[in-house]
Amino acid sequence: MESKQNNKLGIKIKALRQKAELSQDELARKSDVAYTTLTKIETGVIKSPSVFMVEKIAKALGVPIENLL
């Protein structure tokens, strides 16, 4: 089982997504990241997505990438 400590990025993305009142599907489309990839990042299955991917998600959420790292 993935600990919360090892999934800080996913937890941050999920919290910001929920704050923006976006579904996973909406954020996936807005960021041009595959829905399955986004869900895997949020749940910690993908632990180290590329900086490019994190940058696309940050932009879609309207936050600086530094807020996610």
N, C-alpha and C. Protein backbone atom coordinates (compact mmCIF):
# COMPACT_ATOMS: atom_id res chain seq x y z
N MET A 1 0.85 -1.19 0.00
CA MET A 1 0.00 0.00 0.00
C MET A 1 0.88 1.24 0.00
N GLU A 2 0.57 2.19 -0.84
CA GLU A 2 1.35 3.42 -0.99
C GLU A 2 1.09 4.34 0.18
N SER A 3 2.14 4.81 0.81
CA SER A 3 1.96 5.73 1.93
C SER A 3 1.75 7.14 1.40
N LYS A 4 1.10 7.96 2.24
CA LYS A 4 0.85 9.34 1.83
C LYS A 4 2.16 10.09 1.66
N GLN A 5 3.17 9.75 2.43
CA GLN A 5 4.47 10.41 2.34
C GLN A 5 5.07 10.24 0.95
N ASN A 6 4.89 9.10 0.35
CA ASN A 6 5.46 8.83 -0.96
C ASN A 6 4.58 9.32 -2.11
N ASN A 7 3.45 9.91 -1.79
CA ASN A 7 2.53 10.36 -2.84
C ASN A 7 2.16 11.83 -2.65
N LYS A 8 3.11 12.63 -2.22
CA LYS A 8 2.81 14.05 -1.98
C LYS A 8 2.32 14.75 -3.24
N LEU A 9 2.94 14.46 -4.37
CA LEU A 9 2.55 15.10 -5.63
C LEU A 9 1.09 14.78 -5.95
N GLY A 10 0.74 13.52 -5.90
CA GLY A 10 -0.63 13.12 -6.20
C GLY A 10 -1.65 13.75 -5.27
N ILE A 11 -1.30 13.84 -4.00
CA ILE A 11 -2.19 14.44 -3.01
C ILE A 11 -2.37 15.93 -3.30
N LYS A 12 -1.29 16.61 -3.65
CA LYS A 12 -1.37 18.04 -3.98
C LYS A 12 -2.23 18.27 -5.22
N ILE A 13 -2.01 17.46 -6.24
CA ILE A 13 -2.80 17.60 -7.48
C ILE A 13 -4.27 17.38 -7.20
N LYS A 14 -4.58 16.34 -6.46
CA LYS A 14 -5.98 16.03 -6.15
C LYS A 14 -6.63 17.17 -5.36
N ALA A 15 -5.92 17.70 -4.36
CA ALA A 15 -6.46 18.78 -3.54
C ALA A 15 -6.72 20.03 -4.38
N LEU A 16 -5.76 20.38 -5.24
CA LEU A 16 -5.94 21.56 -6.10
C LEU A 16 -7.04 21.34 -7.12
N ARG A 17 -7.14 20.12 -7.64
CA ARG A 17 -8.20 19.80 -8.60
C ARG A 17 -9.57 19.94 -7.95
N GLN A 18 -9.70 19.42 -6.73
CA GLN A 18 -10.97 19.51 -6.02
C GLN A 18 -11.30 20.96 -5.66
N LYS A 19 -10.27 21.73 -5.27
CA LYS A 19 -10.47 23.14 -4.95
C LYS A 19 -10.97 23.90 -6.18
N ALA A 20 -10.48 23.53 -7.35
CA ALA A 20 -10.90 24.15 -8.60
C ALA A 20 -12.23 23.59 -9.11
N GLU A 21 -12.78 22.63 -8.36
CA GLU A 21 -14.05 21.98 -8.70
C GLU A 21 -14.00 21.34 -10.08
N LEU A 22 -12.89 20.65 -10.34
CA LEU A 22 -12.72 19.92 -11.60
C LEU A 22 -12.76 18.42 -11.32
N SER A 23 -13.38 17.68 -12.21
CA SER A 23 -13.31 16.22 -12.12
C SER A 23 -11.96 15.78 -12.69
N GLN A 24 -11.61 14.54 -12.46
CA GLN A 24 -10.37 14.03 -13.05
C GLN A 24 -10.44 14.11 -14.57
N ASP A 25 -11.57 13.80 -15.12
CA ASP A 25 -11.74 13.85 -16.57
C ASP A 25 -11.56 15.27 -17.10
N GLU A 26 -12.14 16.25 -16.41
CA GLU A 26 -12.01 17.64 -16.84
C GLU A 26 -10.55 18.11 -16.79
N LEU A 27 -9.86 17.77 -15.70
CA LEU A 27 -8.46 18.17 -15.58
C LEU A 27 -7.61 17.46 -16.64
N ALA A 28 -7.91 16.21 -16.89
CA ALA A 28 -7.16 15.47 -17.91
C ALA A 28 -7.30 16.14 -19.27
N ARG A 29 -8.51 16.51 -19.61
CA ARG A 29 -8.74 17.17 -20.90
C ARG A 29 -8.09 18.56 -20.94
N LYS A 30 -8.23 19.30 -19.87
CA LYS A 30 -7.70 20.66 -19.81
C LYS A 30 -6.17 20.67 -19.87
N SER A 31 -5.54 19.65 -19.28
CA SER A 31 -4.08 19.59 -19.24
C SER A 31 -3.49 18.78 -20.39
N ASP A 32 -4.34 18.12 -21.16
CA ASP A 32 -3.88 17.25 -22.25
C ASP A 32 -3.01 16.10 -21.72
N VAL A 33 -3.43 15.57 -20.56
CA VAL A 33 -2.79 14.39 -19.97
C VAL A 33 -3.86 13.30 -19.97
N ALA A 34 -3.50 12.11 -20.34
CA ALA A 34 -4.46 11.01 -20.40
C ALA A 34 -5.13 10.82 -19.02
N TYR A 35 -6.43 10.57 -19.05
CA TYR A 35 -7.19 10.35 -17.82
C TYR A 35 -6.55 9.26 -16.96
N THR A 36 -6.19 8.16 -17.57
CA THR A 36 -5.60 7.06 -16.80
C THR A 36 -4.27 7.47 -16.17
N THR A 37 -3.50 8.28 -16.88
CA THR A 37 -2.23 8.76 -16.34
C THR A 37 -2.48 9.67 -15.15
N LEU A 38 -3.43 10.57 -15.28
CA LEU A 38 -3.76 11.48 -14.18
C LEU A 38 -4.20 10.72 -12.94
N THR A 39 -5.07 9.74 -13.12
CA THR A 39 -5.53 8.97 -11.96
C THR A 39 -4.37 8.20 -11.33
N LYS A 40 -3.47 7.70 -12.13
CA LYS A 40 -2.31 6.98 -11.59
C LYS A 40 -1.38 7.92 -10.83
N ILE A 41 -1.26 9.16 -11.26
CA ILE A 41 -0.45 10.13 -10.53
C ILE A 41 -1.12 10.45 -9.20
N GLU A 42 -2.43 10.71 -9.24
CA GLU A 42 -3.15 11.05 -8.01
C GLU A 42 -3.12 9.93 -6.98
N THR A 43 -3.14 8.70 -7.43
CA THR A 43 -3.16 7.56 -6.50
C THR A 43 -1.77 7.05 -6.14
N GLY A 44 -0.74 7.60 -6.77
CA GLY A 44 0.62 7.20 -6.44
C GLY A 44 1.16 6.02 -7.22
N VAL A 45 0.40 5.53 -8.18
CA VAL A 45 0.89 4.43 -9.02
C VAL A 45 2.07 4.93 -9.85
N ILE A 46 1.92 6.14 -10.40
CA ILE A 46 3.05 6.81 -11.06
C ILE A 46 3.62 7.77 -10.04
N LYS A 47 4.82 7.47 -9.57
CA LYS A 47 5.43 8.25 -8.49
C LYS A 47 6.25 9.42 -9.00
N SER A 48 6.81 9.31 -10.18
CA SER A 48 7.70 10.35 -10.71
C SER A 48 7.35 10.68 -12.16
N PRO A 49 6.25 11.40 -12.36
CA PRO A 49 5.92 11.79 -13.73
C PRO A 49 6.95 12.80 -14.25
N SER A 50 7.02 12.95 -15.54
CA SER A 50 7.98 13.89 -16.13
C SER A 50 7.65 15.32 -15.71
N VAL A 51 8.66 16.15 -15.69
CA VAL A 51 8.47 17.56 -15.37
C VAL A 51 7.52 18.19 -16.39
N PHE A 52 7.63 17.79 -17.64
CA PHE A 52 6.74 18.30 -18.69
C PHE A 52 5.28 18.00 -18.34
N MET A 53 5.00 16.80 -17.87
CA MET A 53 3.64 16.42 -17.54
C MET A 53 3.15 17.21 -16.32
N VAL A 54 3.99 17.35 -15.32
CA VAL A 54 3.62 18.11 -14.12
C VAL A 54 3.37 19.57 -14.50
N GLU A 55 4.17 20.09 -15.41
CA GLU A 55 4.02 21.47 -15.87
C GLU A 55 2.66 21.66 -16.55
N LYS A 56 2.24 20.70 -17.36
CA LYS A 56 0.94 20.78 -18.05
C LYS A 56 -0.21 20.75 -17.03
N ILE A 57 -0.07 19.92 -16.01
CA ILE A 57 -1.11 19.84 -14.98
C ILE A 57 -1.16 21.14 -14.18
N ALA A 58 0.00 21.65 -13.80
CA ALA A 58 0.06 22.91 -13.05
C ALA A 58 -0.59 24.04 -13.84
N LYS A 59 -0.27 24.12 -15.12
CA LYS A 59 -0.84 25.17 -15.98
C LYS A 59 -2.36 25.04 -16.03
N ALA A 60 -2.86 23.83 -16.18
CA ALA A 60 -4.30 23.60 -16.23
C ALA A 60 -4.98 23.97 -14.91
N LEU A 61 -4.25 23.80 -13.82
CA LEU A 61 -4.79 24.16 -12.50
C LEU A 61 -4.61 25.64 -12.18
N GLY A 62 -3.81 26.32 -12.99
CA GLY A 62 -3.58 27.74 -12.78
C GLY A 62 -2.64 28.04 -11.63
N VAL A 63 -1.70 27.12 -11.39
CA VAL A 63 -0.71 27.33 -10.31
C VAL A 63 0.70 27.18 -10.86
N PRO A 64 1.67 27.82 -10.21
CA PRO A 64 3.06 27.62 -10.63
C PRO A 64 3.47 26.17 -10.38
N ILE A 65 4.34 25.65 -11.21
CA ILE A 65 4.79 24.27 -11.05
C ILE A 65 5.42 24.05 -9.68
N GLU A 66 6.02 25.08 -9.13
CA GLU A 66 6.66 24.98 -7.82
C GLU A 66 5.67 24.59 -6.73
N ASN A 67 4.39 24.92 -6.91
CA ASN A 67 3.37 24.55 -5.93
C ASN A 67 3.14 23.04 -5.88
N LEU A 68 3.52 22.35 -6.94
CA LEU A 68 3.31 20.90 -6.98
C LEU A 68 4.56 20.12 -6.59
N LEU A 69 5.71 20.74 -6.70
CA LEU A 69 6.97 20.03 -6.43
C LEU A 69 7.39 20.16 -4.98
